[in-house]
Amino acid sequence: MVLARLCGALAMRLAQPAVVGEIVAGILLGPTLLHGALAKTLIPTEVRPALGALASIGVALFMFAVGLEVDHGRTGGMRAAVSVALSATALPLLLGGGLGLLLAGRYHPRQPMGFVLFLAVALSVTAFPVLARILTDHAMQHTRLGTLALAAASIADVVAWSLLILVVTVVNPSGASPWRLLLLAPYAAVLVAARPLLRRLLWNSLRPHRDRFVVVFVGALASGAITEFLGQHFIFGAFVFGLLLPRDDPEGCAEIARFAKRTGGLLLPVYFVVAGLQVDLSSIGGSGAGVLALILVAAVSGKIGGGFLGARLAGLGNRQAWGMGALMNTRGLTELIILTTGRQLGLLDGELYSLMVVMAVVTTAMTGPLLSLTRPIDIPSSPAADADLLAVEPKSTRTG
């Protein structure tokens, strides 16, 4: 955790998101350096299951916060945001699927269909929390471009996690019975029906704030445990619980999100360590470097090209559209969670997992520099401006 904090602080001094340094810290603790001697000394094998449990709690709280911060008001009725989100998801899906077909002959996955679908989803991810941090660092969170990017990323997040649920259902590695999978829809309905009870538990003015934290902490973990029992990954349950939580008190929701981020953020470095223990770059030769180049080309061109195309279709100028493409290329922690899920599903072997982690680090690190090169004039956001931007603009206003 100390090493992750130090590397995160160093990354921030280099104008990078802290998550880049934290992921690198996890890789440095893995078998890449000294053939794993450092990891064996600092993290003995017998303590790793306990570390995995702590990491799972951190990720569950993180995914709960991601779901809670999805703005229901913004994701509805915004044609421009939908245009960007769908375009920045569809093109990477196509390129990722093509990459999966190309690499299937090299890696010989046990489930070729699941392998192709998983790579398609993995390349279509945009990390909403990291994107929000980058926009804040560049003082763009209140600009028109920043507002549209956050709205599009929130929609893309929901689409990506929904597609990943489909992939997990296709692969079904736990051997869950079909009847358990059929219970997913009733479970979501139960969560919706429980919203009045959650509303009373959370927003009763006489209830201490610490009780709210107990409700969301237990609820997120319990929801994750149920989806795990139903044959899915626990991150889906935590995400959906945050997505469906009543939002009656915006300030209270912000306080809960801060609690989840603080608690999850304390444990997330453990997640990076656990993930880094599986990354081994020491044995990757020339052929592996060639595969990495293919992955980077597909990942970067899909996201930047898709974001640019969606922004142009929504009426943005060329510079704003390139800036949107650079922002949509952000992956970060969200990508790492999905890659770890693929590793657990048996869809990625050690080499491909390592290469995909490198892709996640590189694409996140390049967002800031690309944004500086393509950054348009910052125009402060306002309700009237947002209404103009988040609708399909007339062709007469589409200027370069």
Protein backbone atom coordinates (compact mmCIF):
# COMPACT_ATOMS: atom_id res chain seq x y z
CA MET A 1 0.00 0.00 0.00
CA VAL A 2 2.87 2.37 0.78
CA LEU A 3 4.54 1.64 -2.55
CA ALA A 4 1.24 2.17 -4.38
CA ARG A 5 0.75 5.53 -2.66
CA LEU A 6 4.28 6.63 -3.49
CA CYS A 7 3.99 5.59 -7.13
CA GLY A 8 0.57 7.26 -7.33
CA ALA A 9 2.01 10.51 -5.97
CA LEU A 10 4.89 10.30 -8.46
CA ALA A 11 2.44 9.77 -11.31
CA MET A 12 0.50 12.86 -10.27
CA ARG A 13 3.69 14.92 -10.24
CA LEU A 14 4.19 13.75 -13.83
CA ALA A 15 0.68 15.01 -14.71
CA GLN A 16 -0.76 11.50 -14.80
CA PRO A 17 -3.72 10.02 -12.89
CA ALA A 18 -2.68 8.36 -9.62
CA VAL A 19 -4.13 5.07 -10.85
CA VAL A 20 -1.34 4.81 -13.46
CA GLY A 21 1.34 4.86 -10.75
CA GLU A 22 -0.64 2.49 -8.53
CA ILE A 23 -0.99 -0.10 -11.31
CA VAL A 24 2.73 0.20 -12.07
CA ALA A 25 3.43 -0.40 -8.36
CA GLY A 26 1.47 -3.64 -8.54
CA ILE A 27 3.42 -4.72 -11.61
CA LEU A 28 6.74 -3.92 -9.90
CA LEU A 29 5.76 -6.18 -7.00
CA GLY A 30 4.96 -9.03 -9.38
CA PRO A 31 7.19 -11.56 -11.15
CA THR A 32 8.36 -9.02 -13.75
CA LEU A 33 11.27 -7.94 -11.52
CA LEU A 34 13.73 -10.43 -9.98
CA HIS A 35 11.62 -13.37 -11.16
CA GLY A 36 9.12 -12.81 -8.38
CA ALA A 37 11.64 -12.86 -5.53
CA LEU A 38 10.38 -9.51 -4.25
CA ALA A 39 6.79 -10.70 -4.20
CA LYS A 40 7.71 -13.96 -2.44
CA THR A 41 9.54 -12.00 0.25
CA LEU A 42 6.97 -9.27 0.86
CA ILE A 43 3.80 -11.24 0.09
CA PRO A 44 4.15 -14.91 1.12
CA THR A 45 1.84 -17.36 -0.61
CA GLU A 46 -0.11 -18.14 2.55
CA VAL A 47 -1.33 -14.53 3.00
CA ARG A 48 -2.47 -14.01 -0.59
CA PRO A 49 -6.01 -15.41 -0.10
CA ALA A 50 -6.55 -12.85 2.69
CA LEU A 51 -5.22 -10.11 0.41
CA GLY A 52 -7.64 -11.29 -2.27
CA ALA A 53 -10.56 -10.92 0.15
CA LEU A 54 -9.52 -7.37 1.07
CA ALA A 55 -9.11 -6.53 -2.61
CA SER A 56 -12.62 -7.84 -3.34
CA ILE A 57 -14.12 -5.56 -0.67
CA GLY A 58 -12.28 -2.58 -2.14
CA VAL A 59 -13.46 -3.32 -5.67
CA ALA A 60 -17.05 -3.93 -4.52
CA LEU A 61 -17.16 -0.51 -2.84
CA PHE A 62 -15.53 1.09 -5.88
CA MET A 63 -18.11 -0.44 -8.23
CA PHE A 64 -20.91 0.63 -5.87
CA ALA A 65 -19.62 4.22 -6.07
CA VAL A 66 -19.46 3.99 -9.89
CA GLY A 67 -23.10 2.89 -10.00
CA LEU A 68 -24.15 5.56 -7.51
CA GLU A 69 -22.47 8.32 -9.54
CA VAL A 70 -24.30 7.43 -12.77
CA ASP A 71 -26.47 10.49 -13.30
CA HIS A 72 -29.95 9.22 -14.21
CA GLY A 73 -31.04 12.69 -15.25
CA ARG A 74 -28.15 13.13 -17.65
CA THR A 75 -28.28 9.68 -19.23
CA GLY A 76 -31.83 10.17 -20.40
CA GLY A 77 -32.89 12.32 -23.33
CA MET A 78 -29.43 13.43 -24.44
CA ARG A 79 -29.05 12.54 -28.06
CA ALA A 80 -25.51 13.87 -28.34
CA ALA A 81 -24.29 11.89 -25.32
CA VAL A 82 -25.95 8.74 -26.65
CA SER A 83 -24.38 9.32 -30.06
CA VAL A 84 -20.88 9.61 -28.58
CA ALA A 85 -21.37 6.70 -26.18
CA LEU A 86 -22.67 4.30 -28.82
CA SER A 87 -20.09 5.24 -31.43
CA ALA A 88 -17.23 5.05 -28.90
CA THR A 89 -18.48 1.62 -27.87
CA ALA A 90 -19.51 0.10 -31.20
CA LEU A 91 -16.25 0.69 -33.12
CA PRO A 92 -14.00 -0.76 -30.34
CA LEU A 93 -16.39 -3.70 -30.09
CA LEU A 94 -15.91 -4.44 -33.79
CA LEU A 95 -12.14 -4.03 -33.66
CA GLY A 96 -11.91 -6.02 -30.43
CA GLY A 97 -13.93 -8.84 -31.95
CA GLY A 98 -11.66 -8.85 -35.01
CA LEU A 99 -8.62 -8.89 -32.74
CA GLY A 100 -10.10 -11.82 -30.84
CA LEU A 101 -10.59 -13.78 -34.06
CA LEU A 102 -6.99 -12.99 -35.05
CA LEU A 103 -5.49 -13.99 -31.69
CA ALA A 104 -7.61 -17.11 -31.17
CA GLY A 105 -5.24 -19.08 -33.38
CA ARG A 106 -2.28 -18.03 -31.23
CA TYR A 107 -3.72 -18.54 -27.77
CA HIS A 108 -6.12 -21.44 -28.49
CA PRO A 109 -8.73 -20.49 -25.88
CA ARG A 110 -10.93 -23.23 -24.50
CA GLN A 111 -14.01 -21.16 -25.32
CA PRO A 112 -13.34 -19.31 -28.60
CA MET A 113 -16.71 -17.54 -28.65
CA GLY A 114 -16.29 -16.30 -25.10
CA PHE A 115 -12.72 -15.25 -25.89
CA VAL A 116 -13.76 -13.15 -28.90
CA LEU A 117 -16.66 -11.55 -27.04
CA PHE A 118 -14.50 -10.77 -24.04
CA LEU A 119 -11.79 -9.02 -26.05
CA ALA A 120 -14.49 -6.99 -27.79
CA VAL A 121 -15.86 -5.82 -24.44
CA ALA A 122 -12.39 -5.24 -22.95
CA LEU A 123 -11.47 -2.82 -25.74
CA SER A 124 -14.76 -0.91 -25.49
CA VAL A 125 -14.30 0.25 -21.87
CA THR A 126 -14.04 3.88 -20.78
CA ALA A 127 -13.09 4.43 -17.13
CA PHE A 128 -15.67 6.94 -15.87
CA PRO A 129 -13.95 7.68 -12.50
CA VAL A 130 -10.51 8.21 -14.06
CA LEU A 131 -12.06 10.36 -16.79
CA ALA A 132 -13.68 12.57 -14.14
CA ARG A 133 -10.32 12.98 -12.40
CA ILE A 134 -8.55 13.91 -15.67
CA LEU A 135 -11.19 16.51 -16.46
CA THR A 136 -10.77 18.00 -12.98
CA ASP A 137 -6.97 18.09 -13.35
CA HIS A 138 -7.36 19.97 -16.65
CA ALA A 139 -10.08 22.28 -15.22
CA MET A 140 -12.53 20.98 -17.84
CA GLN A 141 -15.21 19.42 -15.63
CA HIS A 142 -17.49 22.45 -16.09
CA THR A 143 -16.86 22.99 -19.81
CA ARG A 144 -19.28 21.88 -22.49
CA LEU A 145 -16.90 19.20 -23.69
CA GLY A 146 -16.35 17.93 -20.15
CA THR A 147 -20.07 17.79 -19.42
CA LEU A 148 -20.75 15.84 -22.61
CA ALA A 149 -17.80 13.50 -22.02
CA LEU A 150 -18.99 12.62 -18.50
CA ALA A 151 -22.53 11.99 -19.72
CA ALA A 152 -21.32 9.81 -22.61
CA ALA A 153 -18.91 7.89 -20.37
CA SER A 154 -21.67 7.14 -17.85
CA ILE A 155 -23.82 5.67 -20.62
CA ALA A 156 -20.86 3.71 -22.02
CA ASP A 157 -20.13 2.35 -18.53
CA VAL A 158 -23.63 0.89 -18.24
CA VAL A 159 -23.40 -0.61 -21.74
CA ALA A 160 -19.96 -2.15 -21.09
CA TRP A 161 -20.95 -3.76 -17.80
CA SER A 162 -24.16 -5.08 -19.34
CA LEU A 163 -22.17 -6.65 -22.17
CA LEU A 164 -19.73 -8.16 -19.68
CA ILE A 165 -22.65 -9.77 -17.86
CA LEU A 166 -23.61 -11.32 -21.21
CA VAL A 167 -20.07 -12.65 -21.69
CA VAL A 168 -19.99 -14.15 -18.19
CA THR A 169 -23.34 -15.78 -18.90
CA VAL A 170 -22.00 -17.28 -22.14
CA VAL A 171 -18.85 -18.58 -20.48
CA ASN A 172 -20.54 -19.57 -17.20
CA PRO A 173 -17.31 -20.88 -15.61
CA SER A 174 -18.81 -21.67 -12.23
CA GLY A 175 -21.16 -24.21 -13.69
CA ALA A 176 -24.15 -22.40 -12.26
CA SER A 177 -27.46 -24.08 -13.02
CA PRO A 178 -29.63 -22.41 -15.66
CA TRP A 179 -32.33 -21.77 -13.08
CA ARG A 180 -29.93 -19.57 -11.16
CA LEU A 181 -29.32 -17.43 -14.23
CA LEU A 182 -33.08 -17.09 -14.65
CA LEU A 183 -33.20 -15.50 -11.19
CA LEU A 184 -31.14 -12.48 -12.31
CA ALA A 185 -34.17 -10.63 -13.66
CA PRO A 186 -36.32 -11.28 -10.54
CA TYR A 187 -33.39 -10.18 -8.39
CA ALA A 188 -33.17 -6.85 -10.22
CA ALA A 189 -36.94 -6.49 -9.79
CA VAL A 190 -36.59 -7.13 -6.04
CA LEU A 191 -33.97 -4.38 -5.80
CA VAL A 192 -36.32 -1.97 -7.55
CA ALA A 193 -39.20 -3.00 -5.25
CA ALA A 194 -36.95 -2.49 -2.21
CA ARG A 195 -36.28 1.16 -3.06
CA PRO A 196 -39.00 2.45 -0.66
CA LEU A 197 -37.43 0.47 2.19
CA LEU A 198 -33.96 1.73 1.27
CA ARG A 199 -35.37 5.24 1.11
CA ARG A 200 -36.62 4.94 4.70
CA LEU A 201 -33.36 3.43 5.90
CA LEU A 202 -31.17 6.03 4.22
CA TRP A 203 -33.00 9.33 4.24
CA ASN A 204 -34.72 9.36 7.61
CA SER A 205 -33.57 12.67 9.09
CA LEU A 206 -33.42 11.18 12.59
CA ARG A 207 -31.11 8.35 11.57
CA PRO A 208 -27.37 8.82 12.32
CA HIS A 209 -25.15 9.12 9.27
CA ARG A 210 -23.11 6.11 10.33
CA ASP A 211 -26.24 3.96 9.91
CA ARG A 212 -26.38 5.02 6.27
CA PHE A 213 -22.84 3.79 5.78
CA VAL A 214 -23.71 0.46 7.38
CA VAL A 215 -26.69 0.07 5.02
CA VAL A 216 -24.69 0.76 1.87
CA PHE A 217 -21.65 -1.26 3.00
CA VAL A 218 -23.71 -4.34 3.85
CA GLY A 219 -26.03 -3.82 0.88
CA ALA A 220 -23.22 -3.60 -1.68
CA LEU A 221 -21.47 -6.71 -0.35
CA ALA A 222 -24.71 -8.66 0.00
CA SER A 223 -25.80 -7.73 -3.52
CA GLY A 224 -22.40 -8.85 -4.83
CA ALA A 225 -22.68 -12.13 -2.94
CA ILE A 226 -26.12 -12.80 -4.46
CA THR A 227 -24.97 -12.20 -8.03
CA GLU A 228 -21.95 -14.43 -7.33
CA PHE A 229 -24.38 -17.16 -6.19
CA LEU A 230 -26.42 -16.63 -9.36
CA GLY A 231 -23.39 -17.43 -11.51
CA GLN A 232 -22.20 -13.88 -12.21
CA HIS A 233 -19.30 -11.83 -10.83
CA PHE A 234 -19.77 -9.99 -7.53
CA ILE A 235 -18.87 -6.64 -9.12
CA PHE A 236 -22.19 -6.65 -11.01
CA GLY A 237 -24.22 -6.88 -7.82
CA ALA A 238 -22.32 -4.02 -6.19
CA PHE A 239 -22.66 -1.88 -9.34
CA VAL A 240 -26.41 -2.51 -9.70
CA PHE A 241 -26.99 -1.78 -6.00
CA GLY A 242 -25.38 1.64 -6.44
CA LEU A 243 -27.23 2.21 -9.71
CA LEU A 244 -30.66 1.58 -8.12
CA LEU A 245 -30.08 3.33 -4.80
CA PRO A 246 -32.68 6.11 -4.18
CA ARG A 247 -31.26 9.61 -4.81
CA ASP A 248 -33.69 11.66 -2.71
CA ASP A 249 -30.91 13.61 -0.98
CA PRO A 250 -28.17 14.70 -3.43
CA GLU A 251 -25.88 15.86 -0.61
CA GLY A 252 -26.42 12.60 1.24
CA CYS A 253 -25.64 10.63 -1.93
CA ALA A 254 -22.44 12.62 -2.39
CA GLU A 255 -21.50 11.86 1.22
CA ILE A 256 -22.14 8.14 0.72
CA ALA A 257 -20.10 8.17 -2.51
CA ARG A 258 -17.21 9.83 -0.65
CA PHE A 259 -17.43 7.16 2.06
CA ALA A 260 -17.36 4.35 -0.50
CA LYS A 261 -14.45 5.95 -2.35
CA ARG A 262 -12.45 6.53 0.82
CA THR A 263 -12.98 3.01 2.13
CA GLY A 264 -12.56 1.39 -1.26
CA GLY A 265 -9.58 3.61 -2.06
CA LEU A 266 -7.84 2.40 1.08
CA LEU A 267 -8.10 -1.19 -0.16
CA LEU A 268 -7.68 -0.69 -3.91
CA PRO A 269 -3.85 -0.69 -3.70
CA VAL A 270 -4.23 -4.25 -2.39
CA TYR A 271 -6.17 -5.01 -5.57
CA PHE A 272 -3.33 -3.65 -7.68
CA VAL A 273 -0.87 -5.86 -5.82
CA VAL A 274 -3.02 -8.97 -6.32
CA ALA A 275 -3.46 -8.12 -10.01
CA GLY A 276 0.23 -7.28 -10.44
CA LEU A 277 1.27 -10.66 -9.09
CA GLN A 278 -0.21 -12.14 -12.27
CA VAL A 279 1.62 -9.77 -14.66
CA ASP A 280 4.92 -11.11 -15.96
CA LEU A 281 6.58 -9.00 -18.64
CA SER A 282 9.99 -10.61 -18.28
CA SER A 283 9.30 -13.47 -20.68
CA ILE A 284 7.58 -11.49 -23.45
CA GLY A 285 9.70 -11.65 -26.59
CA GLY A 286 9.42 -10.21 -30.05
CA SER A 287 6.20 -12.02 -30.87
CA GLY A 288 4.64 -10.74 -27.66
CA ALA A 289 5.69 -7.20 -28.56
CA GLY A 290 3.97 -7.64 -31.92
CA VAL A 291 0.75 -8.75 -30.20
CA LEU A 292 1.00 -5.73 -27.88
CA ALA A 293 1.30 -3.44 -30.92
CA LEU A 294 -1.85 -4.99 -32.43
CA ILE A 295 -3.73 -4.56 -29.15
CA LEU A 296 -2.68 -0.92 -28.85
CA VAL A 297 -3.62 -0.11 -32.45
CA ALA A 298 -7.06 -1.69 -32.05
CA ALA A 299 -7.66 -0.12 -28.63
CA VAL A 300 -6.51 3.41 -29.46
CA SER A 301 -7.97 3.66 -32.96
CA GLY A 302 -11.29 2.17 -31.84
CA LYS A 303 -11.81 4.54 -28.93
CA ILE A 304 -10.41 7.72 -30.47
CA GLY A 305 -12.02 7.04 -33.82
CA GLY A 306 -15.35 6.10 -32.27
CA GLY A 307 -15.35 9.14 -29.97
CA PHE A 308 -14.44 11.45 -32.86
CA LEU A 309 -17.11 10.03 -35.13
CA GLY A 310 -19.81 10.20 -32.45
CA ALA A 311 -18.88 13.78 -31.57
CA ARG A 312 -18.94 14.87 -35.22
CA LEU A 313 -22.35 13.23 -35.69
CA ALA A 314 -23.52 15.18 -32.63
CA GLY A 315 -22.44 18.44 -34.25
CA LEU A 316 -19.10 19.16 -32.53
CA GLY A 317 -16.22 20.77 -34.39
CA ASN A 318 -13.05 18.92 -35.32
CA ARG A 319 -10.95 20.00 -32.32
CA GLN A 320 -13.70 19.20 -29.86
CA ALA A 321 -14.31 15.87 -31.57
CA TRP A 322 -10.62 14.91 -31.33
CA GLY A 323 -10.66 15.94 -27.67
CA MET A 324 -13.70 13.73 -27.12
CA GLY A 325 -11.88 10.81 -28.73
CA ALA A 326 -8.88 11.31 -26.45
CA LEU A 327 -11.15 11.36 -23.39
CA MET A 328 -13.03 8.22 -24.41
CA ASN A 329 -9.66 6.42 -24.69
CA THR A 330 -9.25 6.53 -20.88
CA ARG A 331 -9.36 3.07 -19.28
CA GLY A 332 -7.54 2.82 -15.96
CA LEU A 333 -8.96 0.85 -13.04
CA THR A 334 -12.19 -0.14 -14.78
CA GLU A 335 -10.18 -1.95 -17.46
CA LEU A 336 -8.07 -3.68 -14.82
CA ILE A 337 -11.20 -4.99 -13.07
CA ILE A 338 -12.54 -6.38 -16.35
CA LEU A 339 -9.18 -7.96 -17.24
CA THR A 340 -8.96 -9.63 -13.84
CA THR A 341 -12.47 -10.98 -14.39
CA GLY A 342 -11.33 -12.43 -17.74
CA ARG A 343 -8.33 -14.02 -16.02
CA GLN A 344 -10.61 -15.61 -13.44
CA LEU A 345 -12.91 -16.85 -16.21
CA GLY A 346 -9.96 -18.60 -17.87
CA LEU A 347 -10.29 -16.49 -21.02
CA LEU A 348 -6.86 -14.85 -20.73
CA ASP A 349 -3.60 -16.70 -20.17
CA GLY A 350 -0.67 -15.11 -18.35
CA GLU A 351 0.91 -13.52 -21.43
CA LEU A 352 -2.24 -12.00 -22.89
CA TYR A 353 -3.37 -10.75 -19.48
CA SER A 354 0.00 -9.03 -19.02
CA LEU A 355 -0.18 -7.41 -22.45
CA MET A 356 -3.72 -6.17 -21.85
CA VAL A 357 -2.67 -4.62 -18.52
CA VAL A 358 0.12 -2.77 -20.33
CA MET A 359 -2.47 -1.53 -22.83
CA ALA A 360 -4.63 -0.24 -19.96
CA VAL A 361 -1.68 1.67 -18.48
CA VAL A 362 -0.53 3.10 -21.83
CA THR A 363 -3.96 4.26 -23.01
CA THR A 364 -4.68 5.92 -19.67
CA ALA A 365 -1.27 7.61 -19.58
CA MET A 366 -1.65 9.00 -23.11
CA THR A 367 -5.01 10.68 -22.40
CA GLY A 368 -3.51 13.79 -20.78
CA PRO A 369 -0.91 14.51 -23.48
CA LEU A 370 -3.42 13.85 -26.28
CA LEU A 371 -5.93 16.12 -24.61
CA SER A 372 -3.35 18.90 -24.37
CA LEU A 373 -2.65 18.58 -28.12
CA THR A 374 -6.29 18.52 -29.19
CA ARG A 375 -7.75 20.66 -26.42
CA PRO A 376 -10.32 23.14 -27.72
CA ILE A 377 -11.06 26.53 -26.19
CA ASP A 378 -12.57 25.99 -22.73
CA ILE A 379 -16.16 27.24 -22.70
CA PRO A 380 -17.78 27.18 -19.24
CA SER A 381 -20.81 24.98 -19.02
CA SER A 382 -24.24 26.42 -18.27
CA PRO A 383 -27.76 24.94 -18.33
CA ALA A 384 -28.57 26.72 -21.59
CA ALA A 385 -25.25 25.70 -23.16
CA ASP A 386 -25.70 22.12 -22.03
CA ALA A 387 -29.17 22.05 -23.54
CA ASP A 388 -27.71 23.13 -26.87
CA LEU A 389 -24.76 20.72 -26.73
CA LEU A 390 -26.66 17.69 -25.47
CA ALA A 391 -29.10 17.74 -28.35
CA VAL A 392 -28.54 17.14 -32.04
CA GLU A 393 -27.47 20.50 -33.40
CA PRO A 394 -28.62 21.78 -36.78
CA LYS A 395 -26.24 21.17 -39.63
CA SER A 396 -25.78 24.90 -40.06
CA THR A 397 -23.98 25.09 -36.68
CA ARG A 398 -21.52 22.30 -37.43
CA THR A 399 -18.29 24.17 -37.96
CA GLY A 400 -14.71 23.04 -37.82
